N, C-alpha and C. Protein backbone atom coordinates (compact mmCIF):
# COMPACT_ATOMS: atom_id res chain seq x y z
N LEU A 1 111.57 126.87 -45.41
CA LEU A 1 110.97 126.18 -44.45
C LEU A 1 110.21 124.96 -45.23
N THR A 2 109.19 124.45 -44.56
CA THR A 2 108.30 123.38 -44.90
C THR A 2 106.79 123.74 -44.78
N ASP A 3 106.01 123.10 -45.55
CA ASP A 3 104.51 123.25 -45.31
C ASP A 3 103.98 122.16 -44.54
N LYS A 4 104.88 121.20 -44.06
CA LYS A 4 104.49 120.02 -43.20
C LYS A 4 104.27 120.46 -41.81
N PRO A 5 103.27 119.87 -41.14
CA PRO A 5 103.11 120.29 -39.65
C PRO A 5 104.40 119.77 -38.92
N LEU A 6 104.54 120.50 -37.80
CA LEU A 6 105.83 120.21 -36.97
C LEU A 6 105.67 118.67 -36.41
N LYS A 7 104.59 118.28 -36.03
CA LYS A 7 104.40 116.88 -35.67
C LYS A 7 104.96 115.87 -36.68
N GLN A 8 104.57 116.14 -37.89
CA GLN A 8 105.05 115.29 -38.99
C GLN A 8 106.46 115.40 -39.11
N VAL A 9 107.16 116.49 -39.07
CA VAL A 9 108.56 116.58 -39.15
C VAL A 9 109.29 115.88 -38.04
N LEU A 10 108.65 115.90 -36.81
CA LEU A 10 109.47 115.23 -35.63
C LEU A 10 109.11 113.68 -35.72
N ALA A 11 107.87 113.25 -36.09
CA ALA A 11 107.50 111.85 -36.08
C ALA A 11 108.00 111.08 -37.21
N LYS A 12 108.05 111.67 -38.48
CA LYS A 12 108.48 110.90 -39.65
C LYS A 12 109.42 111.80 -40.39
N PRO A 13 110.59 111.90 -39.97
CA PRO A 13 111.64 112.81 -40.74
C PRO A 13 112.11 112.24 -42.05
N ASP A 14 111.76 110.98 -42.28
CA ASP A 14 112.37 110.23 -43.48
C ASP A 14 111.61 110.46 -44.85
N THR A 15 110.56 111.40 -44.78
CA THR A 15 109.66 111.50 -46.07
C THR A 15 110.25 112.32 -47.06
N SER A 16 111.20 113.13 -46.63
CA SER A 16 111.94 114.01 -47.67
C SER A 16 113.19 114.50 -47.13
N GLY A 17 114.16 114.82 -47.97
CA GLY A 17 115.51 115.30 -47.50
C GLY A 17 115.43 116.52 -46.71
N ARG A 18 114.56 117.44 -47.03
CA ARG A 18 114.37 118.76 -46.22
C ARG A 18 113.92 118.43 -44.85
N LEU A 19 112.89 117.51 -44.73
CA LEU A 19 112.47 117.14 -43.48
C LEU A 19 113.44 116.54 -42.64
N ILE A 20 114.34 115.58 -43.15
CA ILE A 20 115.41 115.04 -42.40
C ILE A 20 116.33 116.17 -41.84
N LYS A 21 116.67 117.19 -42.61
CA LYS A 21 117.47 118.32 -42.19
C LYS A 21 116.82 119.04 -41.07
N TRP A 22 115.54 119.34 -41.14
CA TRP A 22 114.87 120.07 -40.03
C TRP A 22 114.70 119.16 -38.79
N SER A 23 114.58 117.87 -38.92
CA SER A 23 114.47 116.96 -37.89
C SER A 23 115.83 116.90 -37.07
N VAL A 24 116.92 116.91 -37.80
CA VAL A 24 118.32 116.92 -37.11
C VAL A 24 118.53 118.31 -36.42
N GLU A 25 118.20 119.51 -37.23
CA GLU A 25 118.28 120.77 -36.51
C GLU A 25 117.46 120.92 -35.36
N LEU A 26 116.24 120.52 -35.31
CA LEU A 26 115.32 120.63 -34.12
C LEU A 26 115.73 119.63 -32.99
N GLY A 27 116.38 118.44 -33.36
CA GLY A 27 116.74 117.48 -32.46
C GLY A 27 117.80 117.83 -31.48
N GLU A 28 118.62 118.82 -31.93
CA GLU A 28 119.64 119.49 -31.10
C GLU A 28 119.03 120.19 -29.84
N TYR A 29 117.84 120.58 -29.97
CA TYR A 29 117.18 121.53 -29.01
C TYR A 29 116.08 120.62 -28.19
N ASP A 30 116.01 119.36 -28.35
CA ASP A 30 115.07 118.49 -27.54
C ASP A 30 113.59 119.06 -27.75
N VAL A 31 113.19 119.38 -28.95
CA VAL A 31 111.93 119.89 -29.25
C VAL A 31 110.94 118.75 -29.13
N LYS A 32 109.79 118.89 -28.37
CA LYS A 32 108.72 117.89 -28.40
C LYS A 32 107.45 118.48 -28.82
N PHE A 33 106.59 117.74 -29.46
CA PHE A 33 105.34 118.14 -29.93
C PHE A 33 104.30 117.70 -28.96
N LYS A 34 103.41 118.67 -28.67
CA LYS A 34 102.28 118.48 -27.70
C LYS A 34 101.06 119.02 -28.42
N ALA A 35 100.13 118.19 -28.65
CA ALA A 35 98.84 118.63 -29.39
C ALA A 35 98.07 119.49 -28.45
N LYS A 36 97.57 120.51 -29.10
CA LYS A 36 96.65 121.48 -28.41
C LYS A 36 95.30 120.85 -28.27
N PRO A 37 94.82 120.73 -27.02
CA PRO A 37 93.42 120.15 -26.81
C PRO A 37 92.33 121.02 -27.29
N ALA A 38 91.30 120.36 -27.88
CA ALA A 38 90.16 121.06 -28.36
C ALA A 38 89.35 121.69 -27.14
N ILE A 39 88.63 122.87 -27.45
CA ILE A 39 87.91 123.53 -26.50
C ILE A 39 86.49 122.80 -26.58
N LYS A 40 86.10 122.38 -25.44
CA LYS A 40 84.67 121.69 -25.41
C LYS A 40 83.65 122.76 -25.35
N SER A 41 82.43 122.37 -25.95
CA SER A 41 81.42 123.27 -25.95
C SER A 41 80.97 123.77 -24.71
N GLN A 42 80.92 122.91 -23.66
CA GLN A 42 80.44 123.30 -22.34
C GLN A 42 81.26 124.42 -21.78
N VAL A 43 82.58 124.47 -22.13
CA VAL A 43 83.41 125.68 -21.66
C VAL A 43 82.95 126.82 -22.31
N LEU A 44 82.53 126.70 -23.61
CA LEU A 44 82.10 127.92 -24.21
C LEU A 44 80.72 128.41 -23.66
N THR A 45 79.97 127.57 -23.33
CA THR A 45 78.60 127.70 -22.81
C THR A 45 78.72 128.41 -21.51
N ASP A 46 79.64 127.83 -20.59
CA ASP A 46 79.88 128.46 -19.30
C ASP A 46 80.40 129.91 -19.45
N PHE A 47 81.43 130.03 -20.47
CA PHE A 47 81.89 131.41 -20.66
C PHE A 47 80.78 132.47 -21.08
N VAL A 48 79.90 132.11 -21.94
CA VAL A 48 78.90 132.88 -22.40
C VAL A 48 78.00 133.16 -21.12
N GLY A 49 77.57 132.19 -20.38
CA GLY A 49 76.74 132.26 -19.30
C GLY A 49 77.30 133.23 -18.22
N ASP A 50 78.63 133.05 -18.00
CA ASP A 50 79.29 133.89 -16.99
C ASP A 50 79.45 135.44 -17.45
N ASN A 51 79.52 135.57 -18.72
CA ASN A 51 79.87 136.98 -19.18
C ASN A 51 78.71 137.58 -19.80
N THR A 52 77.59 137.10 -19.81
CA THR A 52 76.34 137.73 -20.36
C THR A 52 75.84 138.76 -19.47
N PRO A 53 75.60 139.99 -19.98
CA PRO A 53 75.15 141.07 -19.09
C PRO A 53 73.68 140.66 -18.59
N THR A 54 73.55 140.92 -17.26
CA THR A 54 72.20 140.53 -16.67
C THR A 54 71.36 141.71 -16.42
N GLU A 55 71.88 142.94 -16.41
CA GLU A 55 71.13 144.10 -16.17
C GLU A 55 70.30 144.37 -17.35
N CYS A 56 69.09 144.99 -17.07
CA CYS A 56 68.17 145.28 -18.15
C CYS A 56 68.78 146.29 -19.01
N MET A 57 68.66 145.98 -20.42
CA MET A 57 69.19 146.96 -21.35
C MET A 57 68.36 148.25 -21.48
N GLU A 58 66.99 148.31 -21.10
CA GLU A 58 66.29 149.42 -21.19
C GLU A 58 66.63 150.49 -20.08
N GLU A 59 66.78 151.65 -20.46
CA GLU A 59 66.94 152.65 -19.33
C GLU A 59 65.75 152.96 -18.52
N ASN A 60 64.66 153.04 -19.17
CA ASN A 60 63.42 153.35 -18.47
C ASN A 60 62.27 152.19 -18.64
N PRO A 61 62.26 151.17 -17.90
CA PRO A 61 61.30 150.06 -18.06
C PRO A 61 59.92 150.62 -17.87
N SER A 62 59.04 149.93 -18.43
CA SER A 62 57.69 150.40 -18.25
C SER A 62 57.15 150.09 -16.76
N GLU A 63 56.07 150.70 -16.41
CA GLU A 63 55.54 150.42 -14.99
C GLU A 63 55.23 149.01 -14.78
N ASN A 64 54.70 148.22 -15.81
CA ASN A 64 54.48 146.86 -15.74
C ASN A 64 55.79 145.88 -15.52
N GLU A 65 56.77 146.40 -16.14
CA GLU A 65 58.10 145.61 -16.21
C GLU A 65 58.79 145.82 -14.79
N ARG A 66 58.58 146.83 -14.04
CA ARG A 66 59.39 147.09 -12.91
C ARG A 66 59.42 145.98 -11.78
N GLY A 67 58.31 145.40 -11.58
CA GLY A 67 58.22 144.22 -10.62
C GLY A 67 58.38 142.89 -11.17
N MET A 68 58.68 142.69 -12.43
CA MET A 68 58.89 141.38 -13.05
C MET A 68 60.24 140.89 -12.99
N TRP A 69 60.24 139.50 -12.78
CA TRP A 69 61.43 138.79 -12.83
C TRP A 69 61.89 138.59 -14.32
N LYS A 70 63.18 138.47 -14.50
CA LYS A 70 63.65 138.25 -15.97
C LYS A 70 64.37 136.90 -16.03
N LEU A 71 64.02 136.13 -17.02
CA LEU A 71 64.58 134.82 -17.17
C LEU A 71 65.34 134.81 -18.55
N SER A 72 66.63 134.48 -18.48
CA SER A 72 67.45 134.40 -19.69
C SER A 72 67.90 133.00 -19.87
N VAL A 73 67.84 132.44 -21.01
CA VAL A 73 68.07 131.07 -21.39
C VAL A 73 69.06 130.93 -22.49
N ASP A 74 69.87 129.88 -22.41
CA ASP A 74 70.78 129.63 -23.52
C ASP A 74 71.01 128.07 -23.50
N GLY A 75 71.02 127.67 -24.66
CA GLY A 75 71.15 126.14 -24.91
C GLY A 75 72.37 125.81 -25.92
N SER A 76 72.96 124.62 -25.75
CA SER A 76 74.03 124.22 -26.68
C SER A 76 73.99 122.75 -26.74
N SER A 77 74.56 122.22 -27.89
CA SER A 77 74.71 120.80 -28.17
C SER A 77 76.03 120.59 -28.82
N CYS A 78 76.50 119.43 -28.60
CA CYS A 78 77.67 118.94 -29.33
C CYS A 78 77.60 117.31 -29.33
N ILE A 79 78.75 116.75 -29.78
CA ILE A 79 78.86 115.39 -29.97
C ILE A 79 78.64 114.66 -28.59
N THR A 80 79.16 115.24 -27.54
CA THR A 80 79.18 114.65 -26.28
C THR A 80 77.86 114.86 -25.49
N GLY A 81 77.00 115.74 -25.81
CA GLY A 81 75.81 115.94 -25.13
C GLY A 81 75.25 117.32 -25.51
N SER A 82 74.21 117.73 -24.75
CA SER A 82 73.57 119.04 -24.83
C SER A 82 73.23 119.52 -23.41
N GLY A 83 73.07 120.79 -23.29
CA GLY A 83 72.69 121.41 -22.07
C GLY A 83 72.11 122.74 -22.07
N ALA A 84 71.81 123.41 -21.08
CA ALA A 84 71.26 124.70 -21.08
C ALA A 84 71.81 125.47 -19.82
N TRP A 85 71.77 126.80 -19.92
CA TRP A 85 72.05 127.70 -18.84
C TRP A 85 70.95 128.54 -18.69
N LEU A 86 70.44 128.71 -17.44
CA LEU A 86 69.37 129.49 -17.03
C LEU A 86 69.82 130.54 -16.00
N VAL A 87 69.50 131.82 -16.15
CA VAL A 87 69.66 132.93 -15.28
C VAL A 87 68.29 133.63 -14.87
N LEU A 88 67.94 133.61 -13.70
CA LEU A 88 66.78 134.25 -13.21
C LEU A 88 67.14 135.48 -12.38
N THR A 89 66.68 136.64 -12.80
CA THR A 89 67.07 137.85 -12.19
C THR A 89 65.85 138.57 -11.53
N SER A 90 65.84 139.00 -10.32
CA SER A 90 64.86 139.52 -9.59
C SER A 90 64.73 141.04 -10.00
N PRO A 91 63.60 141.71 -9.69
CA PRO A 91 63.54 143.11 -9.93
C PRO A 91 64.62 143.95 -9.17
N ASP A 92 65.09 143.54 -7.95
CA ASP A 92 66.14 144.34 -7.35
C ASP A 92 67.59 143.88 -7.74
N GLY A 93 67.73 142.97 -8.80
CA GLY A 93 69.04 142.49 -9.15
C GLY A 93 69.59 141.20 -8.64
N TRP A 94 68.93 140.67 -7.80
CA TRP A 94 69.33 139.35 -7.19
C TRP A 94 69.33 138.20 -8.31
N MET A 95 70.36 137.50 -8.50
CA MET A 95 70.45 136.55 -9.71
C MET A 95 70.47 135.03 -9.09
N LEU A 96 69.83 134.17 -9.82
CA LEU A 96 69.90 132.79 -9.57
C LEU A 96 70.21 132.18 -10.84
N ASP A 97 71.35 131.42 -10.89
CA ASP A 97 71.71 130.75 -12.16
C ASP A 97 71.81 129.13 -11.95
N TYR A 98 71.48 128.52 -13.07
CA TYR A 98 71.31 127.08 -13.04
C TYR A 98 71.87 126.44 -14.42
N ALA A 99 72.61 125.47 -14.27
CA ALA A 99 73.09 124.77 -15.50
C ALA A 99 72.33 123.37 -15.60
N LEU A 100 71.95 123.00 -16.86
CA LEU A 100 71.28 121.71 -17.05
C LEU A 100 72.12 120.98 -18.09
N ARG A 101 72.18 119.62 -17.88
CA ARG A 101 72.77 118.70 -18.91
C ARG A 101 71.67 117.70 -19.21
N PHE A 102 71.33 117.71 -20.54
CA PHE A 102 70.24 116.76 -20.96
C PHE A 102 70.73 115.37 -21.12
N GLY A 103 69.88 114.43 -20.88
CA GLY A 103 70.23 113.00 -20.99
C GLY A 103 69.85 112.42 -22.33
N PHE A 104 69.67 113.26 -23.28
CA PHE A 104 69.31 112.86 -24.72
C PHE A 104 69.96 113.73 -25.74
N LYS A 105 70.09 113.14 -26.89
CA LYS A 105 70.76 113.94 -27.92
C LYS A 105 69.75 115.05 -28.43
N ALA A 106 70.32 116.18 -28.71
CA ALA A 106 69.46 117.29 -29.23
C ALA A 106 70.37 118.16 -30.08
N THR A 107 69.76 118.85 -31.01
CA THR A 107 70.43 119.81 -31.85
C THR A 107 70.44 121.15 -31.01
N ASN A 108 71.08 122.13 -31.41
CA ASN A 108 71.27 123.35 -30.83
C ASN A 108 69.79 124.13 -30.52
N ASN A 109 69.00 123.96 -31.62
CA ASN A 109 67.74 124.55 -31.47
C ASN A 109 66.81 123.77 -30.51
N GLU A 110 66.86 122.43 -30.52
CA GLU A 110 66.22 121.60 -29.53
C GLU A 110 66.62 121.83 -28.03
N ALA A 111 67.93 122.08 -27.92
CA ALA A 111 68.56 122.49 -26.57
C ALA A 111 67.98 123.80 -26.11
N GLU A 112 67.80 124.77 -27.06
CA GLU A 112 67.35 126.11 -26.59
C GLU A 112 65.89 125.91 -26.18
N TRP A 113 65.10 125.12 -26.87
CA TRP A 113 63.69 124.98 -26.51
C TRP A 113 63.60 124.28 -25.20
N GLU A 114 64.40 123.14 -24.99
CA GLU A 114 64.40 122.57 -23.74
C GLU A 114 64.65 123.48 -22.51
N ALA A 115 65.65 124.33 -22.78
CA ALA A 115 66.09 125.40 -21.79
C ALA A 115 64.99 126.21 -21.41
N LEU A 116 64.15 126.82 -22.50
CA LEU A 116 63.06 127.49 -22.26
C LEU A 116 62.05 126.92 -21.44
N ILE A 117 61.74 125.70 -21.90
CA ILE A 117 60.70 124.84 -21.16
C ILE A 117 61.13 124.55 -19.65
N ALA A 118 62.41 124.22 -19.43
CA ALA A 118 62.94 124.06 -18.18
C ALA A 118 62.80 125.21 -17.23
N GLY A 119 62.98 126.39 -17.94
CA GLY A 119 62.87 127.70 -17.07
C GLY A 119 61.48 128.04 -16.83
């Protein structure tokens, strides 16, 4: 075979004799190249937020913690922006979740701090 990507074989078959051969062979089957889109960071943030366990990990919470609400925060940043995911859980298990999108550039660490401050 070849070490060239399929897109290059289909788009520029004249770069080598072997590539021309494969272009002719693949041309019989009407093969088209379609680039795989990149996964956006917000999709990953949403996935983590949706699939993060919200129940308390401790089996026997202390007496002081039984009536406390739990706040979980997560932040992320990428080239297109930054944001945060907040989940507030009541002592009886009721959950309130909220997503934020920041209007300024921030690193991952800064986004996590902004999420904590927003919560």
